[in-house]
Amino acid sequence: MQPQSLNESSLLDRFERVRDSLWGQPGFQRRNSTISSLGFSLIPQATWIVETVKTDDSLAIFLQSIDKDGGQRIVLPTRVCEAIYNQHERITKVRRQVRAQRGAETRRKKKQEES
């Protein structure tokens, strides 16, 4: 049995490899949020770090959860990230349309009141 050699690539997990591969790519944008949950009867107290990275060619969402028992790091699959992004875009589009219609209605009412 040969001892396993430790090099930089063997120490990096999938989370770090994916994250590092996106860093500095064209169109790179990154946002993150830290959420502390107080804990409920079924959900333990934890801190979540949600990081979204978008480049010209890709989208990735990284989740980190830290609780009293340790931590967990997850990279969501690309198709899951795209589904979340597309759902958000559709919801935002509908909300903008509703607000635009309400704004137009308000302007019509004000114009009628002025006349």
PDB file of N, CA and C in Angstrom:
ATOM      1  N   MET A   1       0.842  -1.185   0.000  1.00  0.00           N
ATOM      2  CA  MET A   1       0.000   0.000   0.000  1.00  0.00           C
ATOM      3  C   MET A   1       0.881   1.240   0.000  1.00  0.00           C
ATOM      4  N   GLN A   2       0.655   2.097  -0.992  1.00  0.00           N
ATOM      5  CA  GLN A   2       1.448   3.319  -1.084  1.00  0.00           C
ATOM      6  C   GLN A   2       0.736   4.454  -0.365  1.00  0.00           C
ATOM      7  N   PRO A   3       1.485   5.281   0.329  1.00  0.00           N
ATOM      8  CA  PRO A   3       0.837   6.428   0.967  1.00  0.00           C
ATOM      9  C   PRO A   3       0.324   7.387  -0.097  1.00  0.00           C
ATOM     10  N   GLN A   4      -0.839   7.920   0.159  1.00  0.00           N
ATOM     11  CA  GLN A   4      -1.453   8.845  -0.782  1.00  0.00           C
ATOM     12  C   GLN A   4      -0.731  10.184  -0.712  1.00  0.00           C
ATOM     13  N   SER A   5      -0.327  10.684  -1.866  1.00  0.00           N
ATOM     14  CA  SER A   5       0.348  11.980  -1.876  1.00  0.00           C
ATOM     15  C   SER A   5      -0.697  13.082  -1.832  1.00  0.00           C
ATOM     16  N   LEU A   6      -0.422  14.070  -1.052  1.00  0.00           N
ATOM     17  CA  LEU A   6      -1.343  15.194  -0.919  1.00  0.00           C
ATOM     18  C   LEU A   6      -0.848  16.325  -1.800  1.00  0.00           C
ATOM     19  N   ASN A   7      -1.613  16.628  -2.805  1.00  0.00           N
ATOM     20  CA  ASN A   7      -1.312  17.803  -3.606  1.00  0.00           C
ATOM     21  C   ASN A   7      -2.522  18.716  -3.561  1.00  0.00           C
ATOM     22  N   GLU A   8      -2.384  19.881  -4.142  1.00  0.00           N
ATOM     23  CA  GLU A   8      -3.449  20.875  -4.051  1.00  0.00           C
ATOM     24  C   GLU A   8      -4.769  20.366  -4.621  1.00  0.00           C
ATOM     25  N   SER A   9      -4.729  19.657  -5.756  1.00  0.00           N
ATOM     26  CA  SER A   9      -5.970  19.210  -6.381  1.00  0.00           C
ATOM     27  C   SER A   9      -6.662  18.134  -5.563  1.00  0.00           C
ATOM     28  N   SER A  10      -5.921  17.305  -4.828  1.00  0.00           N
ATOM     29  CA  SER A  10      -6.573  16.272  -4.029  1.00  0.00           C
ATOM     30  C   SER A  10      -7.229  16.856  -2.782  1.00  0.00           C
ATOM     31  N   LEU A  11      -6.763  18.015  -2.360  1.00  0.00           N
ATOM     32  CA  LEU A  11      -7.340  18.644  -1.168  1.00  0.00           C
ATOM     33  C   LEU A  11      -8.603  19.442  -1.489  1.00  0.00           C
ATOM     34  N   LEU A  12      -8.779  19.795  -2.750  1.00  0.00           N
ATOM     35  CA  LEU A  12      -9.946  20.580  -3.121  1.00  0.00           C
ATOM     36  C   LEU A  12     -11.135  19.659  -3.369  1.00  0.00           C
ATOM     37  N   ASP A  13     -12.246  19.972  -2.789  1.00  0.00           N
ATOM     38  CA  ASP A  13     -13.453  19.197  -3.050  1.00  0.00           C
ATOM     39  C   ASP A  13     -14.204  19.808  -4.232  1.00  0.00           C
ATOM     40  N   ARG A  14     -15.308  19.202  -4.620  1.00  0.00           N
ATOM     41  CA  ARG A  14     -16.080  19.671  -5.778  1.00  0.00           C
ATOM     42  C   ARG A  14     -16.515  21.124  -5.588  1.00  0.00           C
ATOM     43  N   PHE A  15     -16.924  21.462  -4.382  1.00  0.00           N
ATOM     44  CA  PHE A  15     -17.362  22.813  -4.060  1.00  0.00           C
ATOM     45  C   PHE A  15     -16.289  23.822  -4.464  1.00  0.00           C
ATOM     46  N   GLU A  16     -15.066  23.597  -4.016  1.00  0.00           N
ATOM     47  CA  GLU A  16     -13.968  24.515  -4.303  1.00  0.00           C
ATOM     48  C   GLU A  16     -13.575  24.492  -5.781  1.00  0.00           C
ATOM     49  N   ARG A  17     -13.569  23.304  -6.391  1.00  0.00           N
ATOM     50  CA  ARG A  17     -13.179  23.214  -7.805  1.00  0.00           C
ATOM     51  C   ARG A  17     -14.143  23.999  -8.684  1.00  0.00           C
ATOM     52  N   VAL A  18     -15.453  23.818  -8.462  1.00  0.00           N
ATOM     53  CA  VAL A  18     -16.448  24.528  -9.279  1.00  0.00           C
ATOM     54  C   VAL A  18     -16.343  26.021  -9.024  1.00  0.00           C
ATOM     55  N   ARG A  19     -16.238  26.395  -7.767  1.00  0.00           N
ATOM     56  CA  ARG A  19     -16.150  27.815  -7.396  1.00  0.00           C
ATOM     57  C   ARG A  19     -14.914  28.465  -8.019  1.00  0.00           C
ATOM     58  N   ASP A  20     -13.782  27.806  -7.912  1.00  0.00           N
ATOM     59  CA  ASP A  20     -12.543  28.348  -8.469  1.00  0.00           C
ATOM     60  C   ASP A  20     -12.589  28.441  -9.993  1.00  0.00           C
ATOM     61  N   SER A  21     -13.264  27.496 -10.639  1.00  0.00           N
ATOM     62  CA  SER A  21     -13.321  27.512 -12.104  1.00  0.00           C
ATOM     63  C   SER A  21     -14.146  28.689 -12.631  1.00  0.00           C
ATOM     64  N   LEU A  22     -15.084  29.191 -11.822  1.00  0.00           N
ATOM     65  CA  LEU A  22     -15.934  30.303 -12.253  1.00  0.00           C
ATOM     66  C   LEU A  22     -15.320  31.668 -11.947  1.00  0.00           C
ATOM     67  N   TRP A  23     -14.460  31.701 -10.950  1.00  0.00           N
ATOM     68  CA  TRP A  23     -13.898  32.969 -10.475  1.00  0.00           C
ATOM     69  C   TRP A  23     -13.156  33.685 -11.595  1.00  0.00           C
ATOM     70  N   GLY A  24     -13.545  34.933 -11.869  1.00  0.00           N
ATOM     71  CA  GLY A  24     -12.843  35.748 -12.845  1.00  0.00           C
ATOM     72  C   GLY A  24     -13.213  35.490 -14.298  1.00  0.00           C
ATOM     73  N   GLN A  25     -14.184  34.621 -14.553  1.00  0.00           N
ATOM     74  CA  GLN A  25     -14.616  34.367 -15.927  1.00  0.00           C
ATOM     75  C   GLN A  25     -15.283  35.624 -16.494  1.00  0.00           C
ATOM     76  N   PRO A  26     -15.367  35.754 -17.847  1.00  0.00           N
ATOM     77  CA  PRO A  26     -16.031  36.921 -18.443  1.00  0.00           C
ATOM     78  C   PRO A  26     -17.475  37.055 -17.944  1.00  0.00           C
ATOM     79  N   GLY A  27     -17.847  38.264 -17.568  1.00  0.00           N
ATOM     80  CA  GLY A  27     -19.195  38.522 -17.072  1.00  0.00           C
ATOM     81  C   GLY A  27     -19.407  38.093 -15.632  1.00  0.00           C
ATOM     82  N   PHE A  28     -18.333  37.835 -14.905  1.00  0.00           N
ATOM     83  CA  PHE A  28     -18.415  37.325 -13.529  1.00  0.00           C
ATOM     84  C   PHE A  28     -19.193  38.279 -12.632  1.00  0.00           C
ATOM     85  N   GLN A  29     -20.219  37.725 -11.966  1.00  0.00           N
ATOM     86  CA  GLN A  29     -20.989  38.453 -10.956  1.00  0.00           C
ATOM     87  C   GLN A  29     -21.206  37.505  -9.794  1.00  0.00           C
ATOM     88  N   ARG A  30     -21.117  38.028  -8.571  1.00  0.00           N
ATOM     89  CA  ARG A  30     -21.269  37.178  -7.387  1.00  0.00           C
ATOM     90  C   ARG A  30     -22.080  37.915  -6.337  1.00  0.00           C
ATOM     91  N   ARG A  31     -23.013  37.211  -5.744  1.00  0.00           N
ATOM     92  CA  ARG A  31     -23.786  37.749  -4.618  1.00  0.00           C
ATOM     93  C   ARG A  31     -23.897  36.653  -3.568  1.00  0.00           C
ATOM     94  N   ASN A  32     -23.847  37.058  -2.312  1.00  0.00           N
ATOM     95  CA  ASN A  32     -24.058  36.064  -1.271  1.00  0.00           C
ATOM     96  C   ASN A  32     -24.889  36.647  -0.138  1.00  0.00           C
ATOM     97  N   SER A  33     -25.521  35.749   0.585  1.00  0.00           N
ATOM     98  CA  SER A  33     -26.338  36.119   1.736  1.00  0.00           C
ATOM     99  C   SER A  33     -26.060  35.138   2.859  1.00  0.00           C
ATOM    100  N   THR A  34     -26.079  35.644   4.066  1.00  0.00           N
ATOM    101  CA  THR A  34     -25.940  34.802   5.247  1.00  0.00           C
ATOM    102  C   THR A  34     -27.247  34.862   6.015  1.00  0.00           C
ATOM    103  N   ILE A  35     -27.803  33.701   6.291  1.00  0.00           N
ATOM    104  CA  ILE A  35     -29.090  33.611   6.976  1.00  0.00           C
ATOM    105  C   ILE A  35     -28.895  32.791   8.248  1.00  0.00           C
ATOM    106  N   SER A  36     -29.292  33.355   9.374  1.00  0.00           N
ATOM    107  CA  SER A  36     -29.231  32.615  10.635  1.00  0.00           C
ATOM    108  C   SER A  36     -30.642  32.208  11.014  1.00  0.00           C
ATOM    109  N   SER A  37     -30.880  30.907  11.082  1.00  0.00           N
ATOM    110  CA  SER A  37     -32.197  30.429  11.491  1.00  0.00           C
ATOM    111  C   SER A  37     -32.165  30.173  12.991  1.00  0.00           C
ATOM    112  N   LEU A  38     -33.217  30.593  13.658  1.00  0.00           N
ATOM    113  CA  LEU A  38     -33.273  30.466  15.110  1.00  0.00           C
ATOM    114  C   LEU A  38     -33.574  29.050  15.552  1.00  0.00           C
ATOM    115  N   GLY A  39     -34.102  28.257  14.654  1.00  0.00           N
ATOM    116  CA  GLY A  39     -34.424  26.882  15.000  1.00  0.00           C
ATOM    117  C   GLY A  39     -35.855  26.760  15.470  1.00  0.00           C
ATOM    118  N   PHE A  40     -36.460  25.680  15.067  1.00  0.00           N
ATOM    119  CA  PHE A  40     -37.824  25.349  15.457  1.00  0.00           C
ATOM    120  C   PHE A  40     -37.825  23.917  15.949  1.00  0.00           C
ATOM    121  N   SER A  41     -38.987  23.372  16.190  1.00  0.00           N
ATOM    122  CA  SER A  41     -39.044  22.016  16.721  1.00  0.00           C
ATOM    123  C   SER A  41     -38.420  20.993  15.778  1.00  0.00           C
ATOM    124  N   LEU A  42     -38.613  21.137  14.473  1.00  0.00           N
ATOM    125  CA  LEU A  42     -38.073  20.164  13.520  1.00  0.00           C
ATOM    126  C   LEU A  42     -36.814  20.644  12.817  1.00  0.00           C
ATOM    127  N   ILE A  43     -36.587  21.957  12.786  1.00  0.00           N
ATOM    128  CA  ILE A  43     -35.440  22.527  12.085  1.00  0.00           C
ATOM    129  C   ILE A  43     -34.462  23.068  13.126  1.00  0.00           C
ATOM    130  N   PRO A  44     -33.257  22.496  13.189  1.00  0.00           N
ATOM    131  CA  PRO A  44     -32.299  22.966  14.197  1.00  0.00           C
ATOM    132  C   PRO A  44     -31.745  24.344  13.855  1.00  0.00           C
ATOM    133  N   GLN A  45     -31.205  24.996  14.880  1.00  0.00           N
ATOM    134  CA  GLN A  45     -30.577  26.294  14.677  1.00  0.00           C
ATOM    135  C   GLN A  45     -29.356  26.109  13.775  1.00  0.00           C
ATOM    136  N   ALA A  46     -29.232  26.982  12.775  1.00  0.00           N
ATOM    137  CA  ALA A  46     -28.117  26.873  11.830  1.00  0.00           C
ATOM    138  C   ALA A  46     -27.872  28.219  11.167  1.00  0.00           C
ATOM    139  N   THR A  47     -26.714  28.325  10.555  1.00  0.00           N
ATOM    140  CA  THR A  47     -26.379  29.471   9.720  1.00  0.00           C
ATOM    141  C   THR A  47     -26.203  28.960   8.304  1.00  0.00           C
ATOM    142  N   TRP A  48     -26.850  29.628   7.365  1.00  0.00           N
ATOM    143  CA  TRP A  48     -26.777  29.266   5.949  1.00  0.00           C
ATOM    144  C   TRP A  48     -26.069  30.375   5.196  1.00  0.00           C
ATOM    145  N   ILE A  49     -25.198  29.982   4.299  1.00  0.00           N
ATOM    146  CA  ILE A  49     -24.563  30.931   3.385  1.00  0.00           C
ATOM    147  C   ILE A  49     -24.974  30.512   1.984  1.00  0.00           C
ATOM    148  N   VAL A  50     -25.637  31.424   1.294  1.00  0.00           N
ATOM    149  CA  VAL A  50     -26.100  31.168  -0.072  1.00  0.00           C
ATOM    150  C   VAL A  50     -25.306  32.088  -0.985  1.00  0.00           C
ATOM    151  N   GLU A  51     -24.585  31.496  -1.924  1.00  0.00           N
ATOM    152  CA  GLU A  51     -23.757  32.268  -2.840  1.00  0.00           C
ATOM    153  C   GLU A  51     -24.166  31.927  -4.271  1.00  0.00           C
ATOM    154  N   THR A  52     -24.463  32.957  -5.052  1.00  0.00           N
ATOM    155  CA  THR A  52     -24.814  32.785  -6.457  1.00  0.00           C
ATOM    156  C   THR A  52     -23.711  33.411  -7.300  1.00  0.00           C
ATOM    157  N   VAL A  53     -23.232  32.644  -8.273  1.00  0.00           N
ATOM    158  CA  VAL A  53     -22.201  33.125  -9.194  1.00  0.00           C
ATOM    159  C   VAL A  53     -22.753  32.992 -10.600  1.00  0.00           C
ATOM    160  N   LYS A  54     -22.706  34.101 -11.351  1.00  0.00           N
ATOM    161  CA  LYS A  54     -23.174  34.103 -12.732  1.00  0.00           C
ATOM    162  C   LYS A  54     -22.060  34.645 -13.608  1.00  0.00           C
ATOM    163  N   THR A  55     -21.822  33.950 -14.705  1.00  0.00           N
ATOM    164  CA  THR A  55     -20.868  34.423 -15.705  1.00  0.00           C
ATOM    165  C   THR A  55     -21.615  34.502 -17.033  1.00  0.00           C
ATOM    166  N   ASP A  56     -20.914  34.901 -18.086  1.00  0.00           N
ATOM    167  CA  ASP A  56     -21.550  34.957 -19.406  1.00  0.00           C
ATOM    168  C   ASP A  56     -22.052  33.584 -19.840  1.00  0.00           C
ATOM    169  N   ASP A  57     -21.370  32.523 -19.410  1.00  0.00           N
ATOM    170  CA  ASP A  57     -21.685  31.179 -19.886  1.00  0.00           C
ATOM    171  C   ASP A  57     -22.321  30.256 -18.861  1.00  0.00           C
ATOM    172  N   SER A  58     -22.350  30.631 -17.593  1.00  0.00           N
ATOM    173  CA  SER A  58     -22.831  29.679 -16.599  1.00  0.00           C
ATOM    174  C   SER A  58     -23.466  30.366 -15.396  1.00  0.00           C
ATOM    175  N   LEU A  59     -24.108  29.535 -14.593  1.00  0.00           N
ATOM    176  CA  LEU A  59     -24.767  29.969 -13.371  1.00  0.00           C
ATOM    177  C   LEU A  59     -24.544  28.879 -12.337  1.00  0.00           C
ATOM    178  N   ALA A  60     -24.188  29.253 -11.111  1.00  0.00           N
ATOM    179  CA  ALA A  60     -23.975  28.265 -10.054  1.00  0.00           C
ATOM    180  C   ALA A  60     -24.495  28.828  -8.738  1.00  0.00           C
ATOM    181  N   ILE A  61     -25.047  27.930  -7.926  1.00  0.00           N
ATOM    182  CA  ILE A  61     -25.509  28.292  -6.588  1.00  0.00           C
ATOM    183  C   ILE A  61     -24.799  27.377  -5.599  1.00  0.00           C
ATOM    184  N   PHE A  62     -24.149  27.990  -4.616  1.00  0.00           N
ATOM    185  CA  PHE A  62     -23.405  27.269  -3.593  1.00  0.00           C
ATOM    186  C   PHE A  62     -24.120  27.467  -2.265  1.00  0.00           C
ATOM    187  N   LEU A  63     -24.352  26.383  -1.543  1.00  0.00           N
ATOM    188  CA  LEU A  63     -25.002  26.439  -0.237  1.00  0.00           C
ATOM    189  C   LEU A  63     -24.049  25.904   0.816  1.00  0.00           C
ATOM    190  N   GLN A  64     -23.977  26.614   1.937  1.00  0.00           N
ATOM    191  CA  GLN A  64     -23.203  26.132   3.080  1.00  0.00           C
ATOM    192  C   GLN A  64     -24.103  26.219   4.299  1.00  0.00           C
ATOM    193  N   SER A  65     -24.142  25.152   5.059  1.00  0.00           N
ATOM    194  CA  SER A  65     -24.927  25.100   6.277  1.00  0.00           C
ATOM    195  C   SER A  65     -24.006  24.764   7.430  1.00  0.00           C
ATOM    196  N   ILE A  66     -24.081  25.566   8.491  1.00  0.00           N
ATOM    197  CA  ILE A  66     -23.253  25.336   9.665  1.00  0.00           C
ATOM    198  C   ILE A  66     -24.165  25.256  10.872  1.00  0.00           C
ATOM    199  N   ASP A  67     -24.112  24.139  11.585  1.00  0.00           N
ATOM    200  CA  ASP A  67     -24.905  23.991  12.807  1.00  0.00           C
ATOM    201  C   ASP A  67     -24.020  23.414  13.905  1.00  0.00           C
ATOM    202  N   LYS A  68     -24.622  23.039  15.011  1.00  0.00           N
ATOM    203  CA  LYS A  68     -23.842  22.560  16.150  1.00  0.00           C
ATOM    204  C   LYS A  68     -23.103  21.255  15.863  1.00  0.00           C
ATOM    205  N   ASP A  69     -23.553  20.517  14.855  1.00  0.00           N
ATOM    206  CA  ASP A  69     -22.930  19.234  14.525  1.00  0.00           C
ATOM    207  C   ASP A  69     -21.864  19.347  13.444  1.00  0.00           C
ATOM    208  N   GLY A  70     -21.655  20.539  12.908  1.00  0.00           N
ATOM    209  CA  GLY A  70     -20.655  20.708  11.863  1.00  0.00           C
ATOM    210  C   GLY A  70     -21.231  21.475  10.690  1.00  0.00           C
ATOM    211  N   GLY A  71     -20.690  21.203   9.519  1.00  0.00           N
ATOM    212  CA  GLY A  71     -21.132  21.944   8.347  1.00  0.00           C
ATOM    213  C   GLY A  71     -21.303  21.045   7.143  1.00  0.00           C
ATOM    214  N   GLN A  72     -21.932  21.604   6.151  1.00  0.00           N
ATOM    215  CA  GLN A  72     -22.161  20.897   4.898  1.00  0.00           C
ATOM    216  C   GLN A  72     -22.073  21.906   3.772  1.00  0.00           C
ATOM    217  N   ARG A  73     -21.444  21.517   2.660  1.00  0.00           N
ATOM    218  CA  ARG A  73     -21.321  22.404   1.511  1.00  0.00           C
ATOM    219  C   ARG A  73     -21.893  21.689   0.294  1.00  0.00           C
ATOM    220  N   ILE A  74     -22.728  22.407  -0.450  1.00  0.00           N
ATOM    221  CA  ILE A  74     -23.427  21.817  -1.587  1.00  0.00           C
ATOM    222  C   ILE A  74     -23.287  22.742  -2.789  1.00  0.00           C
ATOM    223  N   VAL A  75     -23.019  22.159  -3.941  1.00  0.00           N
ATOM    224  CA  VAL A  75     -23.085  22.883  -5.209  1.00  0.00           C
ATOM    225  C   VAL A  75     -24.314  22.340  -5.924  1.00  0.00           C
ATOM    226  N   LEU A  76     -25.287  23.202  -6.190  1.00  0.00           N
ATOM    227  CA  LEU A  76     -26.474  22.738  -6.906  1.00  0.00           C
ATOM    228  C   LEU A  76     -26.116  22.433  -8.358  1.00  0.00           C
ATOM    229  N   PRO A  77     -26.699  21.375  -8.910  1.00  0.00           N
ATOM    230  CA  PRO A  77     -26.451  21.062 -10.320  1.00  0.00           C
ATOM    231  C   PRO A  77     -26.884  22.212 -11.234  1.00  0.00           C
ATOM    232  N   THR A  78     -26.218  22.339 -12.359  1.00  0.00           N
ATOM    233  CA  THR A  78     -26.478  23.445 -13.288  1.00  0.00           C
ATOM    234  C   THR A  78     -27.947  23.508 -13.689  1.00  0.00           C
ATOM    235  N   ARG A  79     -28.563  22.374 -13.987  1.00  0.00           N
ATOM    236  CA  ARG A  79     -29.976  22.380 -14.403  1.00  0.00           C
ATOM    237  C   ARG A  79     -30.887  22.880 -13.283  1.00  0.00           C
ATOM    238  N   VAL A  80     -30.557  22.574 -12.043  1.00  0.00           N
ATOM    239  CA  VAL A  80     -31.348  23.066 -10.909  1.00  0.00           C
ATOM    240  C   VAL A  80     -31.187  24.579 -10.803  1.00  0.00           C
ATOM    241  N   CYS A  81     -29.964  25.077 -10.947  1.00  0.00           N
ATOM    242  CA  CYS A  81     -29.712  26.526 -10.903  1.00  0.00           C
ATOM    243  C   CYS A  81     -30.491  27.236 -12.002  1.00  0.00           C
ATOM    244  N   GLU A  82     -30.454  26.677 -13.202  1.00  0.00           N
ATOM    245  CA  GLU A  82     -31.175  27.289 -14.320  1.00  0.00           C
ATOM    246  C   GLU A  82     -32.680  27.281 -14.081  1.00  0.00           C
ATOM    247  N   ALA A  83     -33.216  26.207 -13.493  1.00  0.00           N
ATOM    248  CA  ALA A  83     -34.650  26.152 -13.194  1.00  0.00           C
ATOM    249  C   ALA A  83     -35.024  27.232 -12.173  1.00  0.00           C
ATOM    250  N   ILE A  84     -34.221  27.379 -11.127  1.00  0.00           N
ATOM    251  CA  ILE A  84     -34.481  28.414 -10.111  1.00  0.00           C
ATOM    252  C   ILE A  84     -34.412  29.798 -10.754  1.00  0.00           C
ATOM    253  N   TYR A  85     -33.388  30.044 -11.554  1.00  0.00           N
ATOM    254  CA  TYR A  85     -33.209  31.336 -12.211  1.00  0.00           C
ATOM    255  C   TYR A  85     -34.384  31.643 -13.147  1.00  0.00           C
ATOM    256  N   ASN A  86     -34.790  30.658 -13.960  1.00  0.00           N
ATOM    257  CA  ASN A  86     -35.909  30.864 -14.890  1.00  0.00           C
ATOM    258  C   ASN A  86     -37.217  31.117 -14.154  1.00  0.00           C
ATOM    259  N   GLN A  87     -37.456  30.390 -13.062  1.00  0.00           N
ATOM    260  CA  GLN A  87     -38.667  30.628 -12.268  1.00  0.00           C
ATOM    261  C   GLN A  87     -38.667  32.045 -11.706  1.00  0.00           C
ATOM    262  N   HIS A  88     -37.535  32.473 -11.190  1.00  0.00           N
ATOM    263  CA  HIS A  88     -37.432  33.830 -10.644  1.00  0.00           C
ATOM    264  C   HIS A  88     -37.686  34.875 -11.729  1.00  0.00           C
ATOM    265  N   GLU A  89     -37.109  34.677 -12.905  1.00  0.00           N
ATOM    266  CA  GLU A  89     -37.314  35.609 -14.014  1.00  0.00           C
ATOM    267  C   GLU A  89     -38.783  35.696 -14.419  1.00  0.00           C
ATOM    268  N   ARG A  90     -39.458  34.552 -14.489  1.00  0.00           N
ATOM    269  CA  ARG A  90     -40.878  34.554 -14.866  1.00  0.00           C
ATOM    270  C   ARG A  90     -41.733  35.266 -13.821  1.00  0.00           C
ATOM    271  N   ILE A  91     -41.457  34.990 -12.553  1.00  0.00           N
ATOM    272  CA  ILE A  91     -42.207  35.655 -11.481  1.00  0.00           C
ATOM    273  C   ILE A  91     -41.976  37.159 -11.538  1.00  0.00           C
ATOM    274  N   THR A  92     -40.722  37.566 -11.706  1.00  0.00           N
ATOM    275  CA  THR A  92     -40.390  38.987 -11.780  1.00  0.00           C
ATOM    276  C   THR A  92     -41.079  39.651 -12.966  1.00  0.00           C
ATOM    277  N   LYS A  93     -41.119  38.981 -14.107  1.00  0.00           N
ATOM    278  CA  LYS A  93     -41.764  39.527 -15.301  1.00  0.00           C
ATOM    279  C   LYS A  93     -43.256  39.757 -15.056  1.00  0.00           C
ATOM    280  N   VAL A  94     -43.918  38.797 -14.451  1.00  0.00           N
ATOM    281  CA  VAL A  94     -45.354  38.939 -14.160  1.00  0.00           C
ATOM    282  C   VAL A  94     -45.583  40.075 -13.177  1.00  0.00           C
ATOM    283  N   ARG A  95     -44.751  40.158 -12.126  1.00  0.00           N
ATOM    284  CA  ARG A  95     -44.913  41.231 -11.134  1.00  0.00           C
ATOM    285  C   ARG A  95     -44.714  42.606 -11.775  1.00  0.00           C
ATOM    286  N   ARG A  96     -43.744  42.726 -12.689  1.00  0.00           N
ATOM    287  CA  ARG A  96     -43.528  44.007 -13.377  1.00  0.00           C
ATOM    288  C   ARG A  96     -44.738  44.377 -14.217  1.00  0.00           C
ATOM    289  N   GLN A  97     -45.326  43.398 -14.900  1.00  0.00           N
ATOM    290  CA  GLN A  97     -46.508  43.661 -15.717  1.00  0.00           C
ATOM    291  C   GLN A  97     -47.672  44.134 -14.853  1.00  0.00           C
ATOM    292  N   VAL A  98     -47.858  43.476 -13.707  1.00  0.00           N
ATOM    293  CA  VAL A  98     -48.949  43.861 -12.797  1.00  0.00           C
ATOM    294  C   VAL A  98     -48.719  45.283 -12.298  1.00  0.00           C
ATOM    295  N   ARG A  99     -47.492  45.616 -11.892  1.00  0.00           N
ATOM    296  CA  ARG A  99     -47.192  46.972 -11.415  1.00  0.00           C
ATOM    297  C   ARG A  99     -47.378  48.009 -12.514  1.00  0.00           C
ATOM    298  N   ALA A 100     -46.982  47.677 -13.732  1.00  0.00           N
ATOM    299  CA  ALA A 100     -47.154  48.611 -14.848  1.00  0.00           C
ATOM    300  C   ALA A 100     -48.635  48.867 -15.105  1.00  0.00           C
ATOM    301  N   GLN A 101     -49.445  47.823 -15.041  1.00  0.00           N
ATOM    302  CA  GLN A 101     -50.885  47.993 -15.245  1.00  0.00           C
ATOM    303  C   GLN A 101     -51.491  48.846 -14.138  1.00  0.00           C
ATOM    304  N   ARG A 102     -51.086  48.624 -12.907  1.00  0.00           N
ATOM    305  CA  ARG A 102     -51.599  49.430 -11.793  1.00  0.00           C
ATOM    306  C   ARG A 102     -51.174  50.888 -11.942  1.00  0.00           C
ATOM    307  N   GLY A 103     -49.925  51.104 -12.350  1.00  0.00           N
ATOM    308  CA  GLY A 103     -49.434  52.463 -12.553  1.00  0.00           C
ATOM    309  C   GLY A 103     -50.201  53.175 -13.647  1.00  0.00           C
ATOM    310  N   ALA A 104     -50.471  52.479 -14.747  1.00  0.00           N
ATOM    311  CA  ALA A 104     -51.233  53.074 -15.856  1.00  0.00           C
ATOM    312  C   ALA A 104     -52.647  53.406 -15.399  1.00  0.00           C
ATOM    313  N   GLU A 105     -53.241  52.526 -14.609  1.00  0.00           N
ATOM    314  CA  GLU A 105     -54.590  52.768 -14.100  1.00  0.00           C
ATOM    315  C   GLU A 105     -54.610  53.987 -13.173  1.00  0.00           C
ATOM    316  N   THR A 106     -53.608  54.099 -12.317  1.00  0.00           N
ATOM    317  CA  THR A 106     -53.516  55.240 -11.403  1.00  0.00           C
ATOM    318  C   THR A 106     -53.357  56.541 -12.188  1.00  0.00           C
ATOM    319  N   ARG A 107     -52.510  56.530 -13.223  1.00  0.00           N
ATOM    320  CA  ARG A 107     -52.333  57.733 -14.039  1.00  0.00           C
ATOM    321  C   ARG A 107     -53.622  58.111 -14.758  1.00  0.00           C
ATOM    322  N   ARG A 108     -54.367  57.132 -15.250  1.00  0.00           N
ATOM    323  CA  ARG A 108     -55.663  57.406 -15.912  1.00  0.00           C
ATOM    324  C   ARG A 108     -56.638  58.043 -14.945  1.00  0.00           C
ATOM    325  N   LYS A 109     -56.702  57.515 -13.721  1.00  0.00           N
ATOM    326  CA  LYS A 109     -57.620  58.053 -12.729  1.00  0.00           C
ATOM    327  C   LYS A 109     -57.245  59.489 -12.362  1.00  0.00           C
ATOM    328  N   LYS A 110     -55.957  59.761 -12.179  1.00  0.00           N
ATOM    329  CA  LYS A 110     -55.524  61.116 -11.857  1.00  0.00           C
ATOM    330  C   LYS A 110     -55.824  62.080 -12.995  1.00  0.00           C
ATOM    331  N   LYS A 111     -55.650  61.620 -14.222  1.00  0.00           N
ATOM    332  CA  LYS A 111     -55.936  62.460 -15.375  1.00  0.00           C
ATOM    333  C   LYS A 111     -57.423  62.791 -15.473  1.00  0.00           C
ATOM    334  N   GLN A 112     -58.261  61.794 -15.150  1.00  0.00           N
ATOM    335  CA  GLN A 112     -59.711  62.017 -15.182  1.00  0.00           C
ATOM    336  C   GLN A 112     -60.142  62.974 -14.082  1.00  0.00           C
ATOM    337  N   GLU A 113     -59.504  62.875 -12.905  1.00  0.00           N
ATOM    338  CA  GLU A 113     -59.845  63.752 -11.787  1.00  0.00           C
ATOM    339  C   GLU A 113     -59.446  65.201 -12.093  1.00  0.00           C
ATOM    340  N   GLU A 114     -58.346  65.377 -12.835  1.00  0.00           N
ATOM    341  CA  GLU A 114     -57.892  66.712 -13.177  1.00  0.00           C
ATOM    342  C   GLU A 114     -58.791  67.356 -14.233  1.00  0.00           C
ATOM    343  N   SER A 115     -59.437  66.536 -15.030  1.00  0.00           N
ATOM    344  CA  SER A 115     -60.269  67.084 -16.104  1.00  0.00           C
ATOM    345  C   SER A 115     -61.579  67.608 -15.617  1.00  0.00           C
TER     346      SER A 115
END
